[in-house]
Amino acid sequence: MYAVVGCSECDALRVVEGRPERSECPRCGTTRAFSKLKQFVTTDDPDHAREVRAAMLAKRQGHEDAFADLDSFTEMDRYLDEAGVDETEYLEKSGVDTAAVGAAADRAGRGVGGGQSRKDTVLAALREQDAPTEASVVDYATERGVPAGYVRDALKKLVRRGEVTERDGTYRRL
C-alpha cells in the first residue's frame, strides 16, 4: 500500500509505503504517528501515488495545465529506457575499459585482488592456514595482489602489536 500524505508542519507532500508506525518528513524532520497524518490517497499502485502527489504539487504551484499535458510516470519511465545511451556505451565513450572493469568486479567478488584490504588479506592467510610460515603467508597474499614486502612488514607489525605470535618460524593469531 502507498499513501500520499502531508506534513502538518511544513506542508510537504510525500509518498509513504506500507503502514509504518511513525513517519518522518524528509523536508523538516518532523516525526508523526502514521495514523495521525493526513492521507490524501491510498493505493496499491506506486505510480498512481506518484501521479497524485505530482498533480497536487503542480496545482499548488499553478501549473495544472502544464501537468495535464505530461504523460504518466509509466510512460515517462519507458521513454527514459529508450532515450540516451546505455551505461556500457557511456563508459566506453568516456575512455573506460568496460572489460577490465568487469574483470575487476569478478575478482573482487571472488576475493581475489581488491576484494579486501592488504592487511585483511594477510590476516586471512594466517587464519586459513594450519601452520602459517612467512613464506606461505607471502605466497598466499601475493597470489591475491599484495606485495611481498608489505606482507613481511605487516607480519612484523602484527607481532609487535601482540596480535600475532611467531615461534620457530610459525605464526599464530591471538
Protein backbone atom coordinates (compact mmCIF):
# COMPACT_ATOMS: atom_id res chain seq x y z
CA MET A 1 0.00 0.00 0.00
CA TYR A 2 1.14 3.53 -0.83
CA ALA A 3 -0.27 6.68 0.70
CA VAL A 4 0.16 10.32 -0.29
CA VAL A 5 0.49 12.17 2.99
CA GLY A 6 1.10 15.75 4.04
CA CYS A 7 3.27 17.20 6.78
CA SER A 8 1.40 19.29 9.35
CA GLU A 9 4.50 21.45 9.98
CA CYS A 10 5.85 22.35 6.51
CA ASP A 11 3.02 21.17 4.19
CA ALA A 12 5.37 18.89 2.25
CA LEU A 13 3.74 16.04 0.34
CA ARG A 14 5.32 12.61 0.21
CA VAL A 15 4.53 9.03 -0.70
CA VAL A 16 4.77 6.56 2.19
CA GLU A 17 5.00 2.83 1.50
CA GLY A 18 3.21 0.40 3.80
CA ARG A 19 1.78 1.34 7.16
CA PRO A 20 4.73 2.32 9.35
CA GLU A 21 4.08 3.11 12.98
CA ARG A 22 5.76 6.51 12.58
CA SER A 23 6.82 8.57 9.57
CA GLU A 24 9.40 11.35 9.30
CA CYS A 25 9.08 14.31 6.95
CA PRO A 26 12.17 14.43 4.70
CA ARG A 27 11.94 18.23 4.45
CA CYS A 28 11.61 19.38 8.07
CA GLY A 29 12.32 16.17 10.01
CA THR A 30 9.05 16.21 11.96
CA THR A 31 8.06 12.71 13.08
CA ARG A 32 4.40 11.81 13.47
CA ALA A 33 2.37 8.67 14.02
CA PHE A 34 1.29 7.45 10.59
CA SER A 35 -2.32 7.21 11.72
CA LYS A 36 -2.33 10.96 12.52
CA LEU A 37 -1.03 12.04 9.11
CA LYS A 38 -3.45 13.49 6.56
CA GLN A 39 -3.77 10.82 3.87
CA PHE A 40 -4.92 12.26 0.56
CA VAL A 41 -4.83 9.00 -1.41
CA THR A 42 -4.22 5.36 -0.53
CA THR A 43 -3.47 2.95 -3.36
CA ASP A 44 -1.68 -0.30 -4.16
CA ASP A 45 -0.01 1.22 -7.24
CA PRO A 46 3.16 3.25 -6.56
CA ASP A 47 2.88 5.01 -9.93
CA HIS A 48 -0.65 6.16 -9.10
CA ALA A 49 0.56 7.56 -5.77
CA ARG A 50 3.39 9.39 -7.54
CA GLU A 51 0.91 10.78 -10.10
CA VAL A 52 -1.40 12.09 -7.38
CA ARG A 53 1.46 13.72 -5.47
CA ALA A 54 2.81 15.32 -8.65
CA ALA A 55 -0.66 16.61 -9.60
CA MET A 56 -1.12 18.10 -6.14
CA LEU A 57 2.28 19.83 -6.30
CA ALA A 58 1.52 21.17 -9.80
CA LYS A 59 -1.82 22.53 -8.60
CA ARG A 60 -0.18 24.26 -5.61
CA GLN A 61 2.25 26.00 -7.95
CA GLY A 62 -0.37 26.93 -10.53
CA HIS A 63 0.91 24.57 -13.22
CA GLU A 64 -2.15 22.33 -13.58
CA ASP A 65 -2.37 22.89 -17.35
CA ALA A 66 1.27 22.02 -17.93
CA PHE A 67 0.95 18.92 -15.75
CA ALA A 68 -2.10 17.77 -17.69
CA ASP A 69 -0.02 17.80 -20.90
CA LEU A 70 2.55 15.40 -19.42
CA ASP A 71 2.46 11.66 -19.91
CA SER A 72 2.07 9.29 -16.98
CA PHE A 73 5.05 8.20 -14.89
CA THR A 74 4.88 4.78 -16.50
CA GLU A 75 5.13 6.30 -19.99
CA MET A 76 7.97 8.61 -18.95
CA ASP A 77 9.86 5.64 -17.46
CA ARG A 78 9.58 3.89 -20.84
CA TYR A 79 10.93 6.99 -22.60
CA LEU A 80 13.90 7.04 -20.25
CA ASP A 81 14.69 3.42 -21.04
CA GLU A 82 14.69 4.21 -24.75
CA ALA A 83 16.45 7.59 -24.60
CA GLY A 84 20.15 8.26 -24.47
CA VAL A 85 22.99 5.78 -24.31
CA ASP A 86 23.31 2.74 -22.09
CA GLU A 87 25.86 2.54 -19.28
CA THR A 88 28.38 0.47 -21.21
CA GLU A 89 28.37 2.78 -24.22
CA TYR A 90 28.67 5.86 -21.96
CA LEU A 91 31.64 4.40 -20.08
CA GLU A 92 33.41 3.30 -23.26
CA LYS A 93 33.00 6.75 -24.84
CA SER A 94 34.41 8.22 -21.61
CA GLY A 95 37.56 6.15 -22.06
CA VAL A 96 36.78 3.43 -19.51
CA ASP A 97 37.73 -0.12 -20.44
CA THR A 98 34.49 -1.90 -19.51
CA ALA A 99 36.03 -5.34 -20.00
CA ALA A 100 38.74 -4.52 -17.44
CA VAL A 101 36.11 -3.15 -15.05
CA GLY A 102 34.06 -6.34 -15.41
CA ALA A 103 37.13 -8.49 -14.77
CA ALA A 104 37.99 -6.46 -11.67
CA ALA A 105 34.43 -6.86 -10.40
CA ASP A 106 34.68 -10.62 -10.90
CA ARG A 107 37.97 -10.74 -9.00
CA ALA A 108 36.51 -8.67 -6.18
CA GLY A 109 33.52 -10.98 -5.98
CA ARG A 110 35.82 -13.97 -5.62
CA GLY A 111 38.02 -12.17 -3.07
CA VAL A 112 40.98 -12.02 -5.45
CA GLY A 113 42.78 -8.69 -5.51
CA GLY A 114 40.82 -5.68 -4.40
CA GLY A 115 38.18 -7.67 -2.59
CA GLN A 116 39.70 -6.86 0.78
CA SER A 117 42.44 -4.67 2.19
CA ARG A 118 46.08 -5.75 2.20
CA LYS A 119 46.02 -6.23 5.97
CA ASP A 120 42.82 -8.28 5.74
CA THR A 121 44.50 -10.50 3.14
CA VAL A 122 47.47 -11.12 5.47
CA LEU A 123 45.10 -11.88 8.36
CA ALA A 124 43.09 -14.22 6.15
CA ALA A 125 46.28 -16.09 5.26
CA LEU A 126 47.06 -16.53 8.95
CA ARG A 127 43.50 -17.64 9.68
CA GLU A 128 43.11 -20.09 6.78
CA GLN A 129 46.45 -21.91 7.05
CA ASP A 130 47.14 -24.62 9.63
CA ALA A 131 50.77 -23.71 10.33
CA PRO A 132 51.43 -20.44 8.50
CA THR A 133 55.04 -19.55 7.89
CA GLU A 134 56.31 -16.29 6.49
CA ALA A 135 56.81 -17.93 3.10
CA SER A 136 53.31 -19.45 3.00
CA VAL A 137 51.70 -16.17 4.07
CA VAL A 138 53.70 -14.27 1.44
CA ASP A 139 52.67 -16.82 -1.22
CA TYR A 140 49.01 -16.59 -0.20
CA ALA A 141 48.98 -12.78 -0.21
CA THR A 142 51.00 -12.28 -3.40
CA GLU A 143 48.56 -14.55 -5.26
CA ARG A 144 45.91 -12.01 -4.25
CA GLY A 145 47.89 -8.97 -5.38
CA VAL A 146 49.59 -7.95 -2.12
CA PRO A 147 53.30 -7.11 -2.49
CA ALA A 148 55.69 -9.46 -0.66
CA GLY A 149 57.44 -6.54 1.09
CA TYR A 150 54.14 -5.34 2.52
CA VAL A 151 53.35 -8.84 3.83
CA ARG A 152 56.70 -9.14 5.63
CA ASP A 153 56.30 -5.67 7.19
CA ALA A 154 52.71 -6.45 8.19
CA LEU A 155 53.77 -9.68 9.91
CA LYS A 156 56.42 -7.79 11.90
CA LYS A 157 53.92 -5.12 12.93
CA LEU A 158 51.32 -7.71 13.92
CA VAL A 159 53.86 -9.48 16.12
CA ARG A 160 54.97 -6.16 17.66
CA ARG A 161 51.37 -5.21 18.46
CA GLY A 162 50.70 -8.59 20.04
CA GLU A 163 48.01 -9.60 17.55
CA VAL A 164 50.16 -12.48 16.28
CA THR A 165 52.89 -14.62 17.80
CA GLU A 166 55.82 -16.17 15.96
CA ARG A 167 57.60 -19.26 17.23
CA ASP A 168 60.07 -21.38 15.27
CA GLY A 169 59.01 -19.66 12.04
CA THR A 170 55.29 -20.40 12.51
CA TYR A 171 52.76 -17.64 13.09
CA ARG A 172 49.61 -17.86 15.20
CA ARG A 173 46.85 -15.29 15.70
CA LEU A 174 45.95 -14.44 19.27
